[in-house]
N, C-alpha and C. Protein backbone atom coordinates (compact mmCIF):
# COMPACT_ATOMS: atom_id res chain seq x y z
N MET A 1 -58.85 42.12 -81.19
CA MET A 1 -59.23 41.59 -82.54
C MET A 1 -59.83 40.18 -82.38
N VAL A 2 -60.80 39.93 -83.05
CA VAL A 2 -61.55 38.63 -83.03
C VAL A 2 -60.75 37.55 -83.94
N GLU A 3 -60.55 36.43 -83.34
CA GLU A 3 -59.95 35.32 -84.08
C GLU A 3 -60.90 34.80 -85.07
N ARG A 4 -60.34 34.63 -86.28
CA ARG A 4 -61.31 34.26 -87.45
C ARG A 4 -61.51 32.74 -87.37
N HIS A 5 -62.85 32.48 -87.43
CA HIS A 5 -63.24 31.00 -87.40
C HIS A 5 -63.70 30.70 -88.82
N PRO A 6 -63.21 29.74 -89.48
CA PRO A 6 -63.48 29.45 -90.87
C PRO A 6 -64.84 29.17 -91.13
N ASP A 7 -65.72 28.81 -90.24
CA ASP A 7 -67.18 28.56 -90.55
C ASP A 7 -68.10 29.68 -90.40
N LEU A 8 -67.53 30.90 -89.94
CA LEU A 8 -68.30 32.06 -89.64
C LEU A 8 -68.18 33.08 -90.70
N GLY A 9 -67.37 32.77 -91.82
CA GLY A 9 -67.45 33.86 -92.98
C GLY A 9 -66.33 34.77 -92.71
N ASP A 10 -66.51 36.00 -93.28
CA ASP A 10 -65.52 37.03 -93.30
C ASP A 10 -65.48 37.70 -91.98
N PRO A 11 -64.17 38.44 -91.73
CA PRO A 11 -63.91 39.06 -90.40
C PRO A 11 -65.03 40.13 -90.00
N SER A 12 -65.72 40.76 -90.94
CA SER A 12 -66.77 41.64 -90.46
C SER A 12 -67.82 41.11 -89.83
N THR A 13 -68.19 39.86 -90.46
CA THR A 13 -69.31 39.06 -89.82
C THR A 13 -68.87 38.58 -88.44
N GLN A 14 -67.78 38.15 -88.27
CA GLN A 14 -67.28 37.80 -86.94
C GLN A 14 -67.18 38.87 -85.95
N GLU A 15 -66.85 40.05 -86.50
CA GLU A 15 -66.80 41.26 -85.58
C GLU A 15 -68.18 41.55 -85.17
N THR A 16 -69.21 41.58 -86.10
CA THR A 16 -70.56 41.75 -85.68
C THR A 16 -71.10 40.71 -84.77
N LEU A 17 -70.77 39.40 -84.93
CA LEU A 17 -71.17 38.51 -83.93
C LEU A 17 -70.54 38.72 -82.52
N GLN A 18 -69.23 39.17 -82.59
CA GLN A 18 -68.60 39.39 -81.25
C GLN A 18 -69.23 40.69 -80.59
N ALA A 19 -69.60 41.72 -81.29
CA ALA A 19 -70.22 42.86 -80.64
C ALA A 19 -71.63 42.46 -80.22
N THR A 20 -72.33 41.66 -80.93
CA THR A 20 -73.63 41.21 -80.43
C THR A 20 -73.52 40.51 -79.22
N LEU A 21 -72.56 39.46 -79.05
CA LEU A 21 -72.21 38.73 -77.87
C LEU A 21 -71.77 39.70 -76.68
N ASP A 22 -71.06 40.66 -77.03
CA ASP A 22 -70.66 41.58 -75.97
C ASP A 22 -71.77 42.28 -75.36
N LYS A 23 -72.78 42.72 -76.21
CA LYS A 23 -73.88 43.45 -75.78
C LYS A 23 -74.74 42.60 -75.07
N LEU A 24 -75.02 41.37 -75.49
CA LEU A 24 -75.88 40.48 -74.69
C LEU A 24 -75.33 40.26 -73.30
N LYS A 25 -73.95 39.98 -73.22
CA LYS A 25 -73.36 39.77 -71.96
C LYS A 25 -73.56 41.02 -71.03
N TRP A 26 -73.39 42.31 -71.50
CA TRP A 26 -73.57 43.48 -70.83
C TRP A 26 -75.07 43.58 -70.32
N GLU A 27 -75.97 43.35 -71.22
CA GLU A 27 -77.41 43.34 -70.86
C GLU A 27 -77.70 42.28 -69.77
N ALA A 28 -77.11 41.18 -69.79
CA ALA A 28 -77.35 40.09 -68.64
C ALA A 28 -76.78 40.63 -67.42
N GLU A 29 -75.55 41.26 -67.43
CA GLU A 29 -74.95 41.85 -66.31
C GLU A 29 -75.81 42.88 -65.69
N GLN A 30 -76.49 43.74 -66.50
CA GLN A 30 -77.29 44.86 -66.13
C GLN A 30 -78.64 44.32 -65.45
N ARG A 31 -79.13 43.15 -65.95
CA ARG A 31 -80.22 42.61 -65.38
C ARG A 31 -79.99 42.06 -63.96
N GLU A 32 -78.86 41.39 -63.90
CA GLU A 32 -78.39 40.68 -62.62
C GLU A 32 -78.16 41.95 -61.56
N HIS A 33 -77.57 42.99 -61.97
CA HIS A 33 -77.38 44.08 -61.12
C HIS A 33 -78.75 44.74 -60.64
N ALA A 34 -79.58 44.84 -61.52
CA ALA A 34 -80.94 45.29 -61.22
C ALA A 34 -81.80 44.49 -60.29
N GLU A 35 -81.71 43.22 -60.28
CA GLU A 35 -82.25 42.31 -59.46
C GLU A 35 -81.57 42.34 -58.16
N LYS A 36 -80.20 42.38 -58.08
CA LYS A 36 -79.49 42.32 -56.87
C LYS A 36 -79.59 43.81 -56.08
N TYR A 37 -79.61 44.77 -56.82
CA TYR A 37 -79.62 46.03 -56.17
C TYR A 37 -80.79 46.95 -56.72
N PRO A 38 -82.03 46.61 -56.29
CA PRO A 38 -83.36 47.27 -56.91
C PRO A 38 -83.32 48.79 -56.48
N MET A 39 -83.03 49.17 -55.36
CA MET A 39 -83.10 50.60 -54.98
C MET A 39 -82.15 51.34 -55.73
N CYS A 40 -80.84 50.96 -55.87
CA CYS A 40 -79.90 51.63 -56.55
C CYS A 40 -80.24 51.73 -58.13
N THR A 41 -80.83 50.71 -58.66
CA THR A 41 -81.27 50.77 -60.06
C THR A 41 -82.40 51.74 -60.19
N ARG A 42 -83.37 51.74 -59.33
CA ARG A 42 -84.40 52.71 -59.31
C ARG A 42 -83.93 54.14 -59.18
N LEU A 43 -83.02 54.42 -58.32
CA LEU A 43 -82.46 55.73 -58.14
C LEU A 43 -81.88 56.17 -59.42
N SER A 44 -81.02 55.24 -59.99
CA SER A 44 -80.29 55.54 -61.26
C SER A 44 -81.29 55.96 -62.29
N ARG A 45 -82.36 55.23 -62.43
CA ARG A 45 -83.44 55.52 -63.45
C ARG A 45 -84.19 56.78 -63.27
N VAL A 46 -84.35 57.15 -62.03
CA VAL A 46 -85.11 58.47 -61.84
C VAL A 46 -84.22 59.59 -61.41
N LYS A 47 -82.91 59.60 -61.51
CA LYS A 47 -82.02 60.55 -61.08
C LYS A 47 -82.27 61.95 -61.67
N GLU A 48 -82.39 61.99 -62.92
CA GLU A 48 -82.63 63.24 -63.75
C GLU A 48 -83.88 63.98 -63.32
N GLU A 49 -84.90 63.01 -63.35
CA GLU A 49 -86.24 63.69 -62.90
C GLU A 49 -86.23 64.16 -61.48
N SER A 50 -85.71 63.41 -60.66
CA SER A 50 -85.63 63.77 -59.23
C SER A 50 -84.82 65.07 -59.01
N GLN A 51 -83.69 65.14 -59.66
CA GLN A 51 -82.93 66.44 -59.73
C GLN A 51 -83.73 67.58 -60.17
N LYS A 52 -84.51 67.51 -61.25
CA LYS A 52 -85.47 68.53 -61.67
C LYS A 52 -86.46 68.80 -60.67
N LEU A 53 -87.14 67.83 -60.03
CA LEU A 53 -88.15 68.15 -59.04
C LEU A 53 -87.56 69.01 -57.92
N GLY A 54 -86.40 68.53 -57.47
CA GLY A 54 -85.79 69.11 -56.31
C GLY A 54 -85.34 70.62 -56.64
N GLU A 55 -84.84 70.81 -57.93
CA GLU A 55 -84.44 72.17 -58.17
C GLU A 55 -85.73 73.08 -58.35
N PHE A 56 -86.84 72.51 -58.87
CA PHE A 56 -88.07 73.31 -58.97
C PHE A 56 -88.47 73.60 -57.48
N ILE A 57 -88.48 72.77 -56.55
CA ILE A 57 -89.07 73.08 -55.22
C ILE A 57 -88.15 74.12 -54.60
N GLU A 58 -86.74 74.17 -54.78
CA GLU A 58 -85.93 75.12 -54.29
C GLU A 58 -86.15 76.43 -55.01
N TRP A 59 -86.37 76.46 -56.17
CA TRP A 59 -86.69 77.73 -57.00
C TRP A 59 -87.96 78.26 -56.43
N LEU A 60 -88.96 77.49 -56.35
CA LEU A 60 -90.32 77.86 -55.83
C LEU A 60 -90.18 78.48 -54.45
N GLN A 61 -89.38 78.05 -53.35
CA GLN A 61 -89.10 78.61 -52.23
C GLN A 61 -88.36 79.92 -52.41
N ALA A 62 -87.33 79.96 -53.22
CA ALA A 62 -86.47 81.23 -53.30
C ALA A 62 -87.27 82.32 -54.07
N GLU A 63 -88.05 81.94 -55.07
CA GLU A 63 -88.69 82.98 -55.78
C GLU A 63 -90.07 83.54 -55.31
N TYR A 64 -90.77 82.50 -54.74
CA TYR A 64 -92.29 82.91 -54.29
C TYR A 64 -92.47 83.12 -52.80
N ASN A 65 -91.78 82.11 -52.15
CA ASN A 65 -92.08 82.17 -50.75
C ASN A 65 -91.00 81.31 -49.97
N PRO A 66 -90.16 82.15 -49.42
CA PRO A 66 -88.88 81.44 -48.51
C PRO A 66 -89.50 80.50 -47.39
N HIS A 67 -90.72 80.83 -47.04
CA HIS A 67 -91.30 80.18 -45.95
C HIS A 67 -92.14 79.05 -46.28
N LEU A 68 -92.14 78.61 -47.60
CA LEU A 68 -92.94 77.62 -48.22
C LEU A 68 -92.50 76.35 -47.44
N THR A 69 -93.45 75.63 -46.86
CA THR A 69 -93.01 74.45 -46.19
C THR A 69 -94.23 73.41 -46.02
N LEU A 70 -93.95 72.23 -45.81
CA LEU A 70 -94.90 71.14 -45.60
C LEU A 70 -95.31 71.20 -44.19
N CYS A 71 -96.69 71.00 -44.05
CA CYS A 71 -97.12 70.89 -42.58
C CYS A 71 -97.80 69.61 -42.33
N ASP A 72 -97.81 69.30 -40.97
CA ASP A 72 -98.59 68.25 -40.43
C ASP A 72 -99.72 68.88 -39.72
N TYR A 73 -100.81 68.19 -39.83
CA TYR A 73 -102.03 68.69 -39.16
C TYR A 73 -102.29 67.94 -37.82
N VAL A 74 -101.95 68.57 -36.74
CA VAL A 74 -101.81 67.88 -35.45
C VAL A 74 -102.72 68.83 -34.36
N ASP A 75 -103.59 68.05 -33.73
CA ASP A 75 -104.40 68.75 -32.73
C ASP A 75 -105.05 70.10 -33.07
N ASP A 76 -105.70 70.09 -34.41
CA ASP A 76 -106.33 71.21 -34.91
C ASP A 76 -105.43 72.40 -35.22
N GLU A 77 -104.13 72.09 -35.53
CA GLU A 77 -103.42 73.09 -36.05
C GLU A 77 -102.35 72.58 -36.94
N TYR A 78 -101.83 73.46 -37.87
CA TYR A 78 -100.72 73.13 -38.74
C TYR A 78 -99.42 73.40 -38.10
N LEU A 79 -98.59 72.36 -38.23
CA LEU A 79 -97.19 72.63 -37.77
C LEU A 79 -96.22 72.17 -38.73
N PRO A 80 -95.15 72.86 -38.96
CA PRO A 80 -94.15 72.60 -39.98
C PRO A 80 -93.58 71.06 -39.82
N ALA A 81 -93.62 70.49 -40.95
CA ALA A 81 -93.18 68.96 -40.96
C ALA A 81 -91.63 68.98 -41.11
N ASP A 82 -91.04 68.27 -40.27
CA ASP A 82 -89.64 68.10 -40.14
C ASP A 82 -89.22 66.96 -41.11
N ILE A 83 -89.07 67.32 -42.45
CA ILE A 83 -88.77 66.37 -43.36
C ILE A 83 -87.78 66.98 -44.47
N ARG A 84 -86.69 66.30 -44.86
CA ARG A 84 -85.75 66.62 -45.75
C ARG A 84 -86.26 66.38 -47.19
N MET A 85 -85.78 67.25 -48.06
CA MET A 85 -86.11 67.11 -49.57
C MET A 85 -85.74 65.68 -50.02
N GLU A 86 -84.50 65.13 -49.59
CA GLU A 86 -84.11 63.79 -50.06
C GLU A 86 -85.08 62.75 -49.73
N VAL A 87 -85.78 62.78 -48.38
CA VAL A 87 -86.76 62.05 -47.98
C VAL A 87 -88.03 61.97 -48.86
N LEU A 88 -88.40 63.21 -49.08
CA LEU A 88 -89.65 63.43 -49.93
C LEU A 88 -89.53 62.81 -51.38
N LEU A 89 -88.42 63.16 -51.90
CA LEU A 89 -88.19 62.65 -53.31
C LEU A 89 -88.06 61.14 -53.35
N ALA A 90 -87.40 60.51 -52.39
CA ALA A 90 -87.28 59.12 -52.18
C ALA A 90 -88.71 58.58 -52.13
N ALA A 91 -89.39 59.08 -51.32
CA ALA A 91 -90.76 58.61 -51.02
C ALA A 91 -91.61 58.61 -52.30
N TYR A 92 -91.66 59.81 -53.04
CA TYR A 92 -92.20 60.02 -54.23
C TYR A 92 -91.92 59.01 -55.42
N PHE A 93 -90.56 58.63 -55.45
CA PHE A 93 -90.25 57.66 -56.46
C PHE A 93 -90.02 56.28 -55.94
N GLY A 94 -90.67 56.00 -54.68
CA GLY A 94 -90.67 54.69 -54.29
C GLY A 94 -89.31 54.04 -53.91
N ILE A 95 -88.33 54.83 -53.36
CA ILE A 95 -87.20 54.43 -52.93
C ILE A 95 -87.03 54.37 -51.43
N ASP A 96 -86.56 53.23 -50.86
CA ASP A 96 -86.60 52.97 -49.52
C ASP A 96 -85.06 53.33 -49.25
N LEU A 97 -84.83 54.48 -48.52
CA LEU A 97 -83.46 54.97 -48.30
C LEU A 97 -82.68 53.99 -47.36
N LYS A 98 -83.35 53.30 -46.46
CA LYS A 98 -82.54 52.30 -45.66
C LYS A 98 -82.01 51.05 -46.45
N LYS A 99 -82.87 50.66 -47.45
CA LYS A 99 -82.56 49.52 -48.34
C LYS A 99 -81.36 50.07 -49.34
N LEU A 100 -81.57 51.33 -49.63
CA LEU A 100 -80.47 51.94 -50.53
C LEU A 100 -79.23 51.91 -49.90
N GLU A 101 -79.12 52.42 -48.75
CA GLU A 101 -77.90 52.44 -47.98
C GLU A 101 -77.40 51.03 -47.81
N GLU A 102 -78.17 49.98 -47.57
CA GLU A 102 -77.73 48.67 -47.36
C GLU A 102 -77.13 48.22 -48.71
N GLU A 103 -77.81 48.46 -49.81
CA GLU A 103 -77.31 48.03 -51.16
C GLU A 103 -75.81 48.75 -51.42
N ARG A 104 -75.87 49.98 -51.08
CA ARG A 104 -74.45 50.61 -51.25
C ARG A 104 -73.39 50.01 -50.49
N ARG A 105 -73.62 49.65 -49.30
CA ARG A 105 -72.62 49.09 -48.50
C ARG A 105 -72.20 47.73 -48.92
N THR A 106 -73.16 46.98 -49.53
CA THR A 106 -73.05 45.58 -49.96
C THR A 106 -72.05 45.85 -51.27
N MET A 107 -72.36 46.81 -52.11
CA MET A 107 -71.60 46.91 -53.35
C MET A 107 -70.17 47.36 -52.96
N LEU A 108 -69.92 48.24 -51.83
CA LEU A 108 -68.63 48.59 -51.47
C LEU A 108 -67.85 47.39 -51.02
N LYS A 109 -68.48 46.58 -50.18
CA LYS A 109 -67.82 45.42 -49.72
C LYS A 109 -67.41 44.46 -50.85
N GLU A 110 -68.31 44.31 -51.84
CA GLU A 110 -67.90 43.36 -53.07
C GLU A 110 -66.78 44.14 -53.90
N LEU A 111 -66.74 45.35 -53.95
CA LEU A 111 -65.73 46.02 -54.72
C LEU A 111 -64.30 45.83 -53.89
N GLN A 112 -64.39 46.01 -52.59
CA GLN A 112 -63.29 45.77 -51.76
C GLN A 112 -62.66 44.31 -51.87
N ARG A 113 -63.59 43.29 -51.80
CA ARG A 113 -63.20 41.95 -51.94
C ARG A 113 -62.47 41.70 -53.26
N LYS A 114 -63.06 42.24 -54.34
CA LYS A 114 -62.58 42.15 -55.64
C LYS A 114 -61.12 42.86 -55.82
N ALA A 115 -60.97 43.88 -55.27
CA ALA A 115 -59.62 44.71 -55.26
C ALA A 115 -58.58 43.87 -54.39
N GLU A 116 -59.03 43.24 -53.37
CA GLU A 116 -58.16 42.44 -52.57
C GLU A 116 -57.71 41.20 -53.34
N THR A 117 -58.52 40.65 -54.17
CA THR A 117 -58.06 39.36 -54.80
C THR A 117 -57.32 39.75 -56.20
N LYS A 118 -57.14 40.90 -56.47
CA LYS A 118 -56.28 41.24 -57.69
C LYS A 118 -54.87 41.35 -57.51
């Protein structure tokens, strides 16, 4: 419950102001998180599209050609490329998997520190 301030009018106005302040605080936290963890933020934003692309590729392989594969052209011949779907999708969406892992580890350390101080 919001404490009533006499200069701010009725309680519903105060509640609206508090909700607005809460939203602004949340948005500021989200911006700070996005700046601190850009790869995690990007992954979060493309997760649904990435999932759909991955499912399409798996469906394509299962339905039409189980041997569908990416190839490298080496010494005048095509050789199967040894690349995981996760790596392909990350590259497509501009996600550096090493940086992503570093960000995740940093987040875990921060959460552990916060848990220890409580």
